Amino acid sequence: MHSDPTYPLFPIFAFFGFILPLIPLQWHLAAWNSGTCYFMIWSSLASLNQFINSIVWADNVTNWAPWWCEISIRIQIGASVAVPASCMCIQRRLYQIASVRAVSVTRAEKRRAILVDSLICILFPLCFIALQYVVQGHRFNIYENIGCAPAIYNTLLTYFINLMWPIAIGLTSAVYCVLTLRAFHRRRLEFSQFLSSNRSLTVSRYFRLMALATTEICCTTPLAIVVLCLSATSAPIEPWRSWSDTHYQYSRIVQVPALIWRSNSMLVASYETTRWVTVLCPLVFFAFFGFADEARKHYRALFNAALKRLGYQRPPQPPAKDASYQKPKPPQTFALSLPKYSTSESATTDSMPLHDVKTPPTPTTPTTTMTADDTISTCGSSTLHQSPRFSHFNKEEKNEFDEEPELTGDLESQYHAV
């Protein structure tokens, strides 16, 4: 029986936490949303780290890959401040928009905004990682079913170098959130006008970003406070004596079986909450942005591109019908001339037969032809056979065409008169 009750559920969640946030990364990069992009990258990287650790150290504490643990603990340390810092950058940008300050109107302003976000989301986490060596008692710890973990010496200096920064960043983000709501309430009209002129940020995306940042604040900041309280109460705080005392036997690696660390309920609550929040952060992001209209549009484009590579071309979609849409009717044609008559002598022409003016036409056997107007007519008979087009004629009345007029004078002028 597996000693981890969350296995394999946790590795599955961690894997999706690694993959899903990277799907909308391309169009957020195109929109110059640097804070959002840094959040996606750091949260995805943290989930990948948790996925690998939960697979490699499932039911064992063997030091399989010391080099990986050196990388893994630094990813954990950096992500602990980089994810809250990314949320702070998002809230800061939302506040600038709500206060009707230009987000990035010119290219120079866009570069300046990206530079500030990069300093906060890249340079600051790297400095934070480097500072952890001051309070790092030995190389790392390996916990069964959890994997590699940093070995931070519980001294007073640890609270100023390590534990206070996630809380400080979360509180700063909360202040920006309150200021954003206040500015939005005061300047709603100007806010709407500004967003209508901004192509890279819509009203829907703005409120989804606000919801994402607020959710992360509500999750990460209380968790950081809980971790600080557990560190202060679960073990005695040692005084900082010297550099050599802190790094005494620094090369050792502590391996902790699940039977030992799961016997301490405080440690179980701390470790399980920390790693589950790590993989839920990217899933929350995907829930906000993975099903939006622009995301579905990109999904359709990718799906069509994949089908095209496979040699299948999707038929074009018909235009959407609305209440005012009516199917166009075929054009109607009307006969602008009298029905044409033909005889056996003139079957190859569409003109009326010509006869001598002084000699009346000789009656011939009626020949039936179908014209383009679907009207059946005969030549040489004294009556005009009725068709559906002439159903309004009374059969008892004499048709005006029954008697053939006497052809006198110029034949051509009479022909045109007809």
Protein backbone atom coordinates (compact mmCIF):
# COMPACT_ATOMS: atom_id res chain seq x y z
CA MET A 1 0.00 0.00 0.00
CA HIS A 2 1.27 3.45 -0.91
CA SER A 3 2.24 5.58 2.08
CA ASP A 4 1.05 8.80 0.38
CA PRO A 5 -2.77 9.04 0.38
CA THR A 6 -2.65 11.72 -2.34
CA TYR A 7 -0.73 9.56 -4.83
CA PRO A 8 -1.24 9.53 -7.84
CA LEU A 9 -3.71 12.42 -7.62
CA PHE A 10 -1.07 14.98 -6.71
CA PRO A 11 1.32 14.15 -9.61
CA ILE A 12 -1.59 14.41 -12.04
CA PHE A 13 -2.56 17.84 -10.74
CA ALA A 14 1.08 18.92 -10.78
CA PHE A 15 1.48 17.84 -14.40
CA PHE A 16 -1.58 19.79 -15.53
CA GLY A 17 -0.37 22.73 -13.46
CA PHE A 18 2.81 22.65 -15.54
CA ILE A 19 1.16 22.31 -18.98
CA LEU A 20 -2.03 24.36 -18.84
CA PRO A 21 -0.62 27.83 -17.95
CA LEU A 22 1.76 27.69 -20.92
CA ILE A 23 -1.08 27.38 -23.45
CA PRO A 24 -2.16 31.07 -23.34
CA LEU A 25 1.44 32.31 -22.97
CA GLN A 26 1.85 33.25 -26.63
CA TRP A 27 -1.03 35.72 -26.90
CA HIS A 28 -0.18 37.28 -23.51
CA LEU A 29 3.33 37.88 -24.81
CA ALA A 30 1.86 39.49 -27.91
CA ALA A 31 -0.20 41.80 -25.67
CA TRP A 32 2.91 42.87 -23.67
CA ASN A 33 1.37 41.61 -20.39
CA SER A 34 4.71 41.06 -18.66
CA GLY A 35 3.36 40.56 -15.14
CA THR A 36 0.92 37.92 -16.33
CA CYS A 37 3.63 36.16 -18.35
CA TYR A 38 5.97 36.01 -15.35
CA PHE A 39 3.17 34.56 -13.23
CA MET A 40 2.55 31.85 -15.83
CA ILE A 41 6.24 30.96 -16.13
CA TRP A 42 7.01 30.84 -12.40
CA SER A 43 3.85 28.94 -11.42
CA SER A 44 4.37 26.45 -14.26
CA LEU A 45 8.01 25.93 -13.26
CA ALA A 46 7.04 25.37 -9.63
CA SER A 47 4.44 22.76 -10.66
CA LEU A 48 7.00 20.95 -12.81
CA ASN A 49 9.34 20.83 -9.82
CA GLN A 50 6.63 19.33 -7.62
CA PHE A 51 5.68 16.82 -10.31
CA ILE A 52 9.23 15.49 -10.66
CA ASN A 53 9.79 15.30 -6.91
CA SER A 54 6.52 13.46 -6.26
CA ILE A 55 7.37 10.86 -8.92
CA VAL A 56 11.05 10.28 -8.13
CA TRP A 57 10.71 10.13 -4.33
CA ALA A 58 7.45 8.21 -4.11
CA ASP A 59 7.87 5.78 -1.17
CA ASN A 60 11.63 6.31 -0.89
CA VAL A 61 14.25 8.74 0.43
CA THR A 62 17.16 7.64 -1.74
CA ASN A 63 19.41 10.42 -2.96
CA TRP A 64 18.95 9.61 -6.63
CA ALA A 65 20.04 12.95 -8.10
CA PRO A 66 21.92 15.41 -5.85
CA TRP A 67 22.31 17.85 -8.74
CA TRP A 68 18.54 17.95 -9.24
CA CYS A 69 17.91 18.67 -5.57
CA GLU A 70 20.29 21.64 -5.78
CA ILE A 71 18.16 23.01 -8.61
CA SER A 72 14.86 22.00 -7.03
CA ILE A 73 15.34 23.82 -3.74
CA ARG A 74 16.28 27.02 -5.57
CA ILE A 75 13.15 26.80 -7.72
CA GLN A 76 11.09 26.47 -4.55
CA ILE A 77 12.82 29.41 -2.88
CA GLY A 78 12.52 31.63 -5.95
CA ALA A 79 8.89 30.75 -6.66
CA SER A 80 7.91 31.51 -3.05
CA VAL A 81 8.49 35.23 -3.77
CA ALA A 82 8.25 35.33 -7.58
CA VAL A 83 4.60 34.24 -7.74
CA PRO A 84 3.43 36.88 -5.19
CA ALA A 85 5.67 39.44 -6.92
CA SER A 86 4.01 38.67 -10.26
CA CYS A 87 0.60 39.21 -8.68
CA MET A 88 1.84 42.51 -7.31
CA CYS A 89 2.92 43.57 -10.82
CA ILE A 90 -0.52 42.66 -12.14
CA GLN A 91 -2.25 44.65 -9.41
CA ARG A 92 0.10 47.57 -9.98
CA ARG A 93 -0.77 47.67 -13.67
CA LEU A 94 -4.49 47.39 -12.95
CA TYR A 95 -4.21 50.31 -10.55
CA GLN A 96 -2.50 52.43 -13.21
CA ILE A 97 -5.34 51.66 -15.61
CA ALA A 98 -8.06 52.34 -13.05
CA SER A 99 -6.46 55.67 -12.15
CA VAL A 100 -6.46 56.49 -15.89
CA ARG A 101 -2.72 56.56 -16.20
CA ALA A 102 -1.39 55.44 -19.56
CA VAL A 103 -0.54 51.76 -19.36
CA SER A 104 1.84 51.59 -22.31
CA VAL A 105 0.79 54.04 -24.95
CA THR A 106 4.16 54.42 -26.62
CA ARG A 107 6.78 51.80 -27.28
CA ALA A 108 9.19 53.48 -24.84
CA GLU A 109 6.59 53.32 -22.08
CA LYS A 110 5.99 49.66 -22.85
CA ARG A 111 9.69 48.92 -22.54
CA ARG A 112 9.84 50.82 -19.26
CA ALA A 113 6.90 48.86 -17.85
CA ILE A 114 8.46 45.55 -18.91
CA LEU A 115 11.79 46.58 -17.38
CA VAL A 116 10.18 47.35 -14.02
CA ASP A 117 8.27 44.06 -14.03
CA SER A 118 11.45 42.17 -14.95
CA LEU A 119 13.36 43.70 -12.06
CA ILE A 120 10.59 42.69 -9.67
CA CYS A 121 9.89 39.21 -11.07
CA ILE A 122 13.41 38.09 -12.09
CA LEU A 123 16.13 40.10 -10.40
CA PHE A 124 14.49 40.18 -6.98
CA PRO A 125 13.86 36.37 -6.85
CA LEU A 126 17.46 35.72 -7.92
CA CYS A 127 18.75 37.97 -5.13
CA PHE A 128 16.37 36.24 -2.73
CA ILE A 129 17.76 32.83 -3.76
CA ALA A 130 21.33 34.02 -3.21
CA LEU A 131 20.52 35.39 0.26
CA GLN A 132 19.20 32.02 1.44
CA TYR A 133 22.73 30.71 1.62
CA VAL A 134 23.22 32.92 4.69
CA VAL A 135 20.66 30.91 6.70
CA GLN A 136 21.04 27.53 4.93
CA GLY A 137 22.27 25.03 7.52
CA HIS A 138 23.21 22.22 5.08
CA ARG A 139 22.75 21.26 1.45
CA PHE A 140 19.16 20.00 1.45
CA ASN A 141 16.64 17.60 2.95
CA ILE A 142 14.81 14.72 1.26
CA TYR A 143 11.32 13.93 2.56
CA GLU A 144 9.65 10.70 1.50
CA ASN A 145 6.74 11.31 -0.93
CA ILE A 146 7.61 15.02 -1.09
CA GLY A 147 11.15 15.11 -2.43
CA CYS A 148 13.83 17.77 -2.08
CA ALA A 149 13.36 20.62 0.36
CA PRO A 150 15.62 23.52 1.42
CA ALA A 151 17.33 23.22 4.80
CA ILE A 152 16.77 26.63 6.40
CA TYR A 153 18.28 27.17 9.83
CA ASN A 154 15.60 28.38 12.27
CA THR A 155 17.34 31.47 13.52
CA LEU A 156 16.13 35.02 14.04
CA LEU A 157 17.85 36.18 10.86
CA THR A 158 15.75 33.68 8.88
CA TYR A 159 12.57 35.63 9.57
CA PHE A 160 14.03 38.80 8.03
CA ILE A 161 15.78 37.15 5.08
CA ASN A 162 13.30 34.40 4.21
CA LEU A 163 9.91 34.38 5.87
CA MET A 164 8.87 38.04 5.88
CA TRP A 165 9.14 38.77 2.14
CA PRO A 166 6.16 36.74 0.86
CA ILE A 167 4.01 38.42 3.50
CA ALA A 168 5.32 41.90 2.64
CA ILE A 169 4.70 41.37 -1.07
CA GLY A 170 1.21 40.02 -0.43
CA LEU A 171 0.29 43.00 1.74
CA THR A 172 1.60 45.39 -0.92
CA SER A 173 -0.58 43.65 -3.50
CA ALA A 174 -3.56 43.96 -1.17
CA VAL A 175 -2.97 47.71 -0.90
CA TYR A 176 -2.85 47.99 -4.69
CA CYS A 177 -6.07 45.98 -4.88
CA VAL A 178 -7.91 48.36 -2.53
CA LEU A 179 -6.57 51.40 -4.40
CA THR A 180 -7.66 49.86 -7.70
CA LEU A 181 -11.23 49.33 -6.50
CA ARG A 182 -11.32 52.86 -5.12
CA ALA A 183 -10.02 54.43 -8.33
CA PHE A 184 -12.37 52.34 -10.43
CA HIS A 185 -15.36 53.48 -8.38
CA ARG A 186 -14.39 57.14 -8.77
CA ARG A 187 -13.52 57.15 -12.47
CA ARG A 188 -15.76 54.59 -14.07
CA LEU A 189 -16.53 56.71 -17.15
CA GLU A 190 -12.89 57.57 -17.89
CA PHE A 191 -11.96 53.96 -17.21
CA SER A 192 -14.40 52.68 -19.83
CA GLN A 193 -13.19 55.22 -22.39
CA PHE A 194 -9.58 54.25 -21.78
CA LEU A 195 -10.22 50.52 -22.19
CA SER A 196 -12.20 51.12 -25.37
CA SER A 197 -9.10 52.74 -26.90
CA ASN A 198 -6.72 50.00 -25.70
CA ARG A 199 -6.38 47.05 -28.07
CA SER A 200 -4.35 44.78 -25.79
CA LEU A 201 -6.70 44.95 -22.79
CA THR A 202 -10.45 44.52 -22.83
CA VAL A 203 -12.93 45.01 -20.00
CA SER A 204 -13.37 41.25 -19.66
CA ARG A 205 -9.62 40.63 -19.45
CA TYR A 206 -9.21 43.48 -16.96
CA PHE A 207 -11.70 42.00 -14.50
CA ARG A 208 -10.29 38.50 -14.97
CA LEU A 209 -6.83 39.81 -14.12
CA MET A 210 -8.23 41.51 -11.04
CA ALA A 211 -10.00 38.33 -9.96
CA LEU A 212 -6.82 36.29 -10.50
CA ALA A 213 -4.61 38.66 -8.51
CA THR A 214 -7.14 38.93 -5.69
CA THR A 215 -7.49 35.14 -5.49
CA GLU A 216 -3.72 34.68 -5.31
CA ILE A 217 -3.47 37.29 -2.57
CA CYS A 218 -6.13 35.48 -0.56
CA CYS A 219 -4.26 32.18 -0.95
CA THR A 220 -0.55 32.99 -0.75
CA THR A 221 -0.51 35.69 1.92
CA PRO A 222 -2.40 33.70 4.59
CA LEU A 223 -0.25 30.67 3.74
CA ALA A 224 2.93 32.69 4.26
CA ILE A 225 1.63 33.87 7.62
CA VAL A 226 0.82 30.28 8.63
CA VAL A 227 4.31 29.10 7.63
CA LEU A 228 5.87 31.88 9.69
CA CYS A 229 3.78 30.98 12.74
CA LEU A 230 4.58 27.27 12.40
CA SER A 231 8.29 28.01 12.11
CA ALA A 232 8.15 30.11 15.24
CA THR A 233 6.19 27.57 17.30
CA SER A 234 7.20 24.12 16.04
CA ALA A 235 10.90 24.48 16.92
CA PRO A 236 12.91 26.81 19.16
CA ILE A 237 14.40 29.86 17.47
CA GLU A 238 18.18 29.61 17.65
CA PRO A 239 20.34 32.72 17.99
CA TRP A 240 22.65 33.68 15.16
CA ARG A 241 26.13 32.92 16.42
CA SER A 242 28.45 33.01 13.42
CA TRP A 243 28.85 32.05 9.78
CA SER A 244 30.89 28.96 10.62
CA ASP A 245 28.36 27.81 13.21
CA THR A 246 25.47 28.07 10.76
CA HIS A 247 27.34 26.22 7.99
CA TYR A 248 28.90 23.55 10.16
CA GLN A 249 28.98 20.25 8.19
CA TYR A 250 27.26 21.99 5.33
CA SER A 251 27.69 19.08 2.87
CA ARG A 252 25.43 16.68 4.77
CA ILE A 253 22.03 15.60 3.40
CA VAL A 254 19.18 14.78 5.78
CA GLN A 255 16.75 12.04 4.66
CA VAL A 256 13.40 11.91 6.49
CA PRO A 257 11.04 8.90 6.03
CA ALA A 258 7.29 9.52 5.83
CA LEU A 259 6.75 7.63 9.09
CA ILE A 260 8.69 10.32 10.96
CA TRP A 261 7.49 13.54 9.40
CA ARG A 262 3.86 12.38 9.17
CA SER A 263 3.85 11.76 12.93
CA ASN A 264 4.02 15.55 13.42
CA SER A 265 0.63 17.03 12.50
CA MET A 266 2.08 20.54 12.24
CA LEU A 267 4.64 19.44 9.66
CA VAL A 268 2.00 17.51 7.72
CA ALA A 269 -0.26 20.56 7.55
CA SER A 270 2.62 22.83 6.51
CA TYR A 271 4.11 20.59 3.81
CA GLU A 272 0.84 19.39 2.29
CA THR A 273 -0.69 22.88 2.18
CA THR A 274 2.43 24.38 0.63
CA ARG A 275 2.74 21.88 -2.19
CA TRP A 276 -0.99 21.81 -2.99
CA VAL A 277 -1.17 25.61 -3.18
CA THR A 278 1.84 25.49 -5.50
CA VAL A 279 0.03 23.34 -8.08
CA LEU A 280 -3.37 25.01 -7.66
CA CYS A 281 -2.07 28.49 -8.54
CA PRO A 282 -1.52 27.71 -12.25
CA LEU A 283 -4.80 25.81 -12.42
CA VAL A 284 -6.63 28.86 -11.07
CA PHE A 285 -4.95 30.96 -13.74
CA PHE A 286 -6.08 28.59 -16.48
CA ALA A 287 -9.61 28.64 -15.09
CA PHE A 288 -9.69 32.43 -15.53
CA PHE A 289 -7.97 32.66 -18.93
CA GLY A 290 -8.11 29.23 -20.55
CA PHE A 291 -11.80 29.41 -21.48
CA ALA A 292 -12.10 33.05 -22.53
CA ASP A 293 -13.24 34.13 -26.00
CA GLU A 294 -9.73 34.90 -27.23
CA ALA A 295 -8.53 31.52 -25.92
CA ARG A 296 -11.26 29.63 -27.78
CA LYS A 297 -10.39 31.56 -30.94
CA HIS A 298 -6.76 30.46 -30.67
CA TYR A 299 -7.81 26.87 -29.95
CA ARG A 300 -9.86 26.80 -33.16
CA ALA A 301 -6.94 28.25 -35.14
CA LEU A 302 -4.55 25.63 -33.76
CA PHE A 303 -7.04 22.84 -34.41
CA ASN A 304 -7.56 23.96 -38.01
CA ALA A 305 -3.79 24.23 -38.53
CA ALA A 306 -3.33 20.69 -37.21
CA LEU A 307 -6.05 19.38 -39.52
CA LYS A 308 -4.47 21.18 -42.47
CA ARG A 309 -1.13 19.51 -41.76
CA LEU A 310 -2.88 16.15 -41.78
CA GLY A 311 -4.34 16.93 -45.19
CA TYR A 312 -7.90 17.62 -44.11
CA GLN A 313 -9.51 20.93 -44.99
CA ARG A 314 -12.54 21.93 -42.96
CA PRO A 315 -15.45 23.38 -44.97
CA PRO A 316 -16.06 27.10 -44.43
CA GLN A 317 -18.55 27.89 -41.72
CA PRO A 318 -21.79 29.63 -42.84
CA PRO A 319 -22.36 33.12 -41.49
CA ALA A 320 -24.26 33.34 -38.27
CA LYS A 321 -27.94 34.07 -38.75
CA ASP A 322 -29.68 36.73 -36.74
CA ALA A 323 -33.28 37.86 -36.48
CA SER A 324 -32.92 40.26 -39.44
CA TYR A 325 -31.33 37.70 -41.75
CA GLN A 326 -33.42 36.50 -44.71
CA LYS A 327 -32.42 34.01 -47.32
CA PRO A 328 -31.99 35.82 -50.67
CA LYS A 329 -34.60 34.96 -53.29
CA PRO A 330 -33.61 34.02 -56.84
CA PRO A 331 -34.19 36.82 -59.37
CA GLN A 332 -37.46 36.61 -61.26
CA THR A 333 -37.50 37.08 -65.03
CA PHE A 334 -40.50 38.31 -66.93
CA ALA A 335 -41.27 37.83 -70.59
CA LEU A 336 -41.04 41.20 -72.31
CA SER A 337 -42.26 39.92 -75.71
CA LEU A 338 -45.03 37.79 -77.12
CA PRO A 339 -44.64 34.01 -77.28
CA LYS A 340 -42.63 32.86 -80.25
CA TYR A 341 -44.05 30.65 -82.95
CA SER A 342 -42.14 28.16 -85.02
CA THR A 343 -42.94 25.85 -87.88
CA SER A 344 -41.19 22.99 -89.49
CA GLU A 345 -39.70 25.38 -92.04
CA SER A 346 -38.34 27.73 -89.41
CA ALA A 347 -37.54 25.36 -86.58
CA THR A 348 -33.92 26.46 -86.49
CA THR A 349 -34.68 30.16 -86.00
CA ASP A 350 -36.37 32.16 -83.28
CA SER A 351 -38.05 34.67 -85.63
CA MET A 352 -41.61 34.69 -86.91
CA PRO A 353 -42.15 33.20 -90.42
CA LEU A 354 -42.38 35.72 -93.21
CA HIS A 355 -45.14 35.34 -95.88
CA ASP A 356 -45.94 37.07 -99.09
CA VAL A 357 -48.05 40.16 -98.56
CA LYS A 358 -50.58 39.35 -101.27
CA THR A 359 -50.68 35.64 -100.69
CA PRO A 360 -52.25 34.49 -97.42
CA PRO A 361 -50.35 31.87 -95.50
CA THR A 362 -51.16 28.27 -96.30
CA PRO A 363 -52.48 26.35 -93.29
CA THR A 364 -50.03 23.75 -92.17
CA THR A 365 -50.05 20.97 -89.66
CA PRO A 366 -49.64 22.49 -86.19
CA THR A 367 -46.27 21.80 -84.67
CA THR A 368 -45.92 21.98 -80.92
CA THR A 369 -42.77 23.44 -79.37
CA MET A 370 -41.73 24.18 -75.77
CA THR A 371 -40.40 27.68 -75.29
CA ALA A 372 -38.31 29.11 -72.46
CA ASP A 373 -41.47 30.46 -70.83
CA ASP A 374 -42.94 26.95 -70.48
CA THR A 375 -45.85 28.01 -72.79
CA ILE A 376 -47.14 25.58 -75.42
CA SER A 377 -48.22 27.36 -78.63
CA THR A 378 -49.24 26.25 -82.13
CA CYS A 379 -49.03 27.87 -85.51
CA GLY A 380 -51.83 27.48 -88.02
CA SER A 381 -54.66 27.01 -85.54
CA SER A 382 -57.35 29.56 -84.89
CA THR A 383 -57.13 29.27 -81.11
CA LEU A 384 -54.31 29.77 -78.62
CA HIS A 385 -53.84 26.78 -76.33
CA GLN A 386 -53.96 27.91 -72.73
CA SER A 387 -51.11 27.42 -70.31
CA PRO A 388 -50.80 28.20 -66.60
CA ARG A 389 -49.55 31.66 -67.52
CA PHE A 390 -52.80 32.39 -69.41
CA SER A 391 -55.22 30.66 -67.05
CA HIS A 392 -56.99 33.95 -66.42
CA PHE A 393 -58.45 34.01 -69.93
CA ASN A 394 -62.06 32.92 -70.22
CA LYS A 395 -62.40 29.91 -72.49
CA GLU A 396 -65.76 31.15 -73.79
CA GLU A 397 -64.45 34.56 -74.84
CA LYS A 398 -62.85 35.02 -78.20
CA ASN A 399 -59.13 35.70 -77.96
CA GLU A 400 -57.81 38.79 -79.57
CA PHE A 401 -55.25 36.67 -81.39
CA ASP A 402 -57.78 34.25 -82.88
CA GLU A 403 -58.20 36.27 -86.08
CA GLU A 404 -55.12 36.86 -88.11
CA PRO A 405 -54.88 40.51 -89.14
CA GLU A 406 -54.78 41.43 -92.80
CA LEU A 407 -51.22 42.19 -93.82
CA THR A 408 -51.26 45.37 -95.89
CA GLY A 409 -48.65 47.95 -96.50
CA ASP A 410 -45.10 47.60 -95.38
CA LEU A 411 -44.55 44.18 -93.88
CA GLU A 412 -41.64 45.29 -91.74
CA SER A 413 -43.54 48.16 -90.13
CA GLN A 414 -46.47 45.89 -89.34
CA TYR A 415 -44.10 43.31 -87.91
CA HIS A 416 -42.61 45.85 -85.53
CA ALA A 417 -46.06 47.09 -84.62
CA VAL A 418 -46.92 43.58 -83.51
